[in-house]
Amino acid sequence: MSETVATEMDFQEQVARIKMMQEETRKYVAEQHKLMTKTAKLNRDRWLAPLVVVSSLGGGVLAAIASHMIKGMGE
C-alpha cells in the first residue's frame, strides 16, 4: 500500500513539474513575441525616418519655390 502511495506522490510531483515547465515555456514564448514585435517596430521606424527627412526637405524646397514665385508675381 505504501508503495502505491509513493508512486502516486511521485506521479503528482512529475505532473506538477511538467505544469511548471509549461508555464515557464508560455512566459518565454510571450516574451519572445513581445521582443519580435518591438524589433519589427524599430525596423519600421528605421526605414521611416529617412522618408520623413526627405519629405520634409522636399516640402521646404517647394515652399521656398512657391514663395519666390509669389514674390515674383507681385513685382
C-alpha atoms as a PDB file:
ATOM      1  CA  MET A   1       0.000   0.000   0.000  1.00  0.00           C
ATOM      2  CA  SER A   2       2.762   2.434   0.867  1.00  0.00           C
ATOM      3  CA  GLU A   3       4.423   1.698  -2.480  1.00  0.00           C
ATOM      4  CA  THR A   4       1.221   2.778  -4.247  1.00  0.00           C
ATOM      5  CA  VAL A   5       1.113   5.994  -2.230  1.00  0.00           C
ATOM      6  CA  ALA A   6       4.773   6.683  -3.008  1.00  0.00           C
ATOM      7  CA  THR A   7       4.166   6.007  -6.702  1.00  0.00           C
ATOM      8  CA  GLU A   8       1.116   8.303  -6.701  1.00  0.00           C
ATOM      9  CA  MET A   9       3.092  11.088  -4.977  1.00  0.00           C
ATOM     10  CA  ASP A  10       5.935  10.646  -7.470  1.00  0.00           C
ATOM     11  CA  PHE A  11       3.407  10.854 -10.306  1.00  0.00           C
ATOM     12  CA  GLN A  12       1.845  14.030  -8.836  1.00  0.00           C
ATOM     13  CA  GLU A  13       5.295  15.562  -8.427  1.00  0.00           C
ATOM     14  CA  GLN A  14       6.096  14.859 -12.068  1.00  0.00           C
ATOM     15  CA  VAL A  15       2.758  16.347 -13.186  1.00  0.00           C
ATOM     16  CA  ALA A  16       3.407  19.468 -11.087  1.00  0.00           C
ATOM     17  CA  ARG A  17       6.900  19.789 -12.573  1.00  0.00           C
ATOM     18  CA  ILE A  18       5.525  19.449 -16.115  1.00  0.00           C
ATOM     19  CA  LYS A  19       2.865  22.099 -15.460  1.00  0.00           C
ATOM     20  CA  MET A  20       5.511  24.450 -14.055  1.00  0.00           C
ATOM     21  CA  MET A  21       7.715  23.893 -17.115  1.00  0.00           C
ATOM     22  CA  GLN A  22       4.756  24.517 -19.436  1.00  0.00           C
ATOM     23  CA  GLU A  23       4.020  27.813 -17.677  1.00  0.00           C
ATOM     24  CA  GLU A  24       7.671  28.863 -17.963  1.00  0.00           C
ATOM     25  CA  THR A  25       7.564  27.988 -21.665  1.00  0.00           C
ATOM     26  CA  ARG A  26       4.403  30.100 -22.146  1.00  0.00           C
ATOM     27  CA  LYS A  27       6.100  33.063 -20.427  1.00  0.00           C
ATOM     28  CA  TYR A  28       9.210  32.624 -22.555  1.00  0.00           C
ATOM     29  CA  VAL A  29       7.181  32.480 -25.774  1.00  0.00           C
ATOM     30  CA  ALA A  30       5.191  35.569 -24.751  1.00  0.00           C
ATOM     31  CA  GLU A  31       8.421  37.464 -24.031  1.00  0.00           C
ATOM     32  CA  GLN A  32       9.878  36.402 -27.383  1.00  0.00           C
ATOM     33  CA  HIS A  33       6.707  37.549 -29.156  1.00  0.00           C
ATOM     34  CA  LYS A  34       6.907  40.915 -27.395  1.00  0.00           C
ATOM     35  CA  LEU A  35      10.564  41.308 -28.407  1.00  0.00           C
ATOM     36  CA  MET A  36       9.813  40.365 -32.018  1.00  0.00           C
ATOM     37  CA  THR A  37       7.029  42.972 -32.127  1.00  0.00           C
ATOM     38  CA  LYS A  38       9.363  45.610 -30.714  1.00  0.00           C
ATOM     39  CA  THR A  39      12.061  44.673 -33.246  1.00  0.00           C
ATOM     40  CA  ALA A  40       9.578  44.978 -36.110  1.00  0.00           C
ATOM     41  CA  LYS A  41       8.554  48.434 -34.875  1.00  0.00           C
ATOM     42  CA  LEU A  42      12.181  49.567 -34.601  1.00  0.00           C
ATOM     43  CA  ASN A  43      12.910  48.296 -38.117  1.00  0.00           C
ATOM     44  CA  ARG A  44       9.865  50.156 -39.435  1.00  0.00           C
ATOM     45  CA  ASP A  45      10.954  53.338 -37.667  1.00  0.00           C
ATOM     46  CA  ARG A  46      14.479  52.941 -39.024  1.00  0.00           C
ATOM     47  CA  TRP A  47      13.151  52.897 -42.596  1.00  0.00           C
ATOM     48  CA  LEU A  48      10.539  55.560 -41.945  1.00  0.00           C
ATOM     49  CA  ALA A  49      12.943  58.185 -40.571  1.00  0.00           C
ATOM     50  CA  PRO A  50      14.767  58.881 -43.895  1.00  0.00           C
ATOM     51  CA  LEU A  51      11.404  59.174 -45.675  1.00  0.00           C
ATOM     52  CA  VAL A  52      10.292  61.779 -43.140  1.00  0.00           C
ATOM     53  CA  VAL A  53      13.524  63.726 -43.652  1.00  0.00           C
ATOM     54  CA  VAL A  54      13.250  63.600 -47.448  1.00  0.00           C
ATOM     55  CA  SER A  55       9.586  64.596 -47.469  1.00  0.00           C
ATOM     56  CA  SER A  56      10.258  67.453 -45.030  1.00  0.00           C
ATOM     57  CA  LEU A  57      13.139  68.640 -47.152  1.00  0.00           C
ATOM     58  CA  GLY A  58      11.017  68.397 -50.288  1.00  0.00           C
ATOM     59  CA  GLY A  59       8.202  70.330 -48.622  1.00  0.00           C
ATOM     60  CA  GLY A  60      10.635  73.047 -47.565  1.00  0.00           C
ATOM     61  CA  VAL A  61      12.040  73.343 -51.081  1.00  0.00           C
ATOM     62  CA  LEU A  62       8.555  73.510 -52.602  1.00  0.00           C
ATOM     63  CA  ALA A  63       7.516  76.159 -50.065  1.00  0.00           C
ATOM     64  CA  ALA A  64      10.608  78.216 -50.892  1.00  0.00           C
ATOM     65  CA  ILE A  65       9.911  77.941 -54.641  1.00  0.00           C
ATOM     66  CA  ALA A  66       6.257  78.875 -54.158  1.00  0.00           C
ATOM     67  CA  SER A  67       7.244  81.847 -52.003  1.00  0.00           C
ATOM     68  CA  HIS A  68       9.758  83.005 -54.587  1.00  0.00           C
ATOM     69  CA  MET A  69       7.184  82.656 -57.377  1.00  0.00           C
ATOM     70  CA  ILE A  70       4.567  84.602 -55.408  1.00  0.00           C
ATOM     71  CA  LYS A  71       7.055  87.421 -54.744  1.00  0.00           C
ATOM     72  CA  GLY A  72       7.959  87.456 -58.435  1.00  0.00           C
ATOM     73  CA  MET A  73       4.329  87.811 -59.466  1.00  0.00           C
ATOM     74  CA  GLY A  74       3.828  90.751 -57.126  1.00  0.00           C
ATOM     75  CA  GLU A  75       6.587  92.815 -58.674  1.00  0.00           C
END
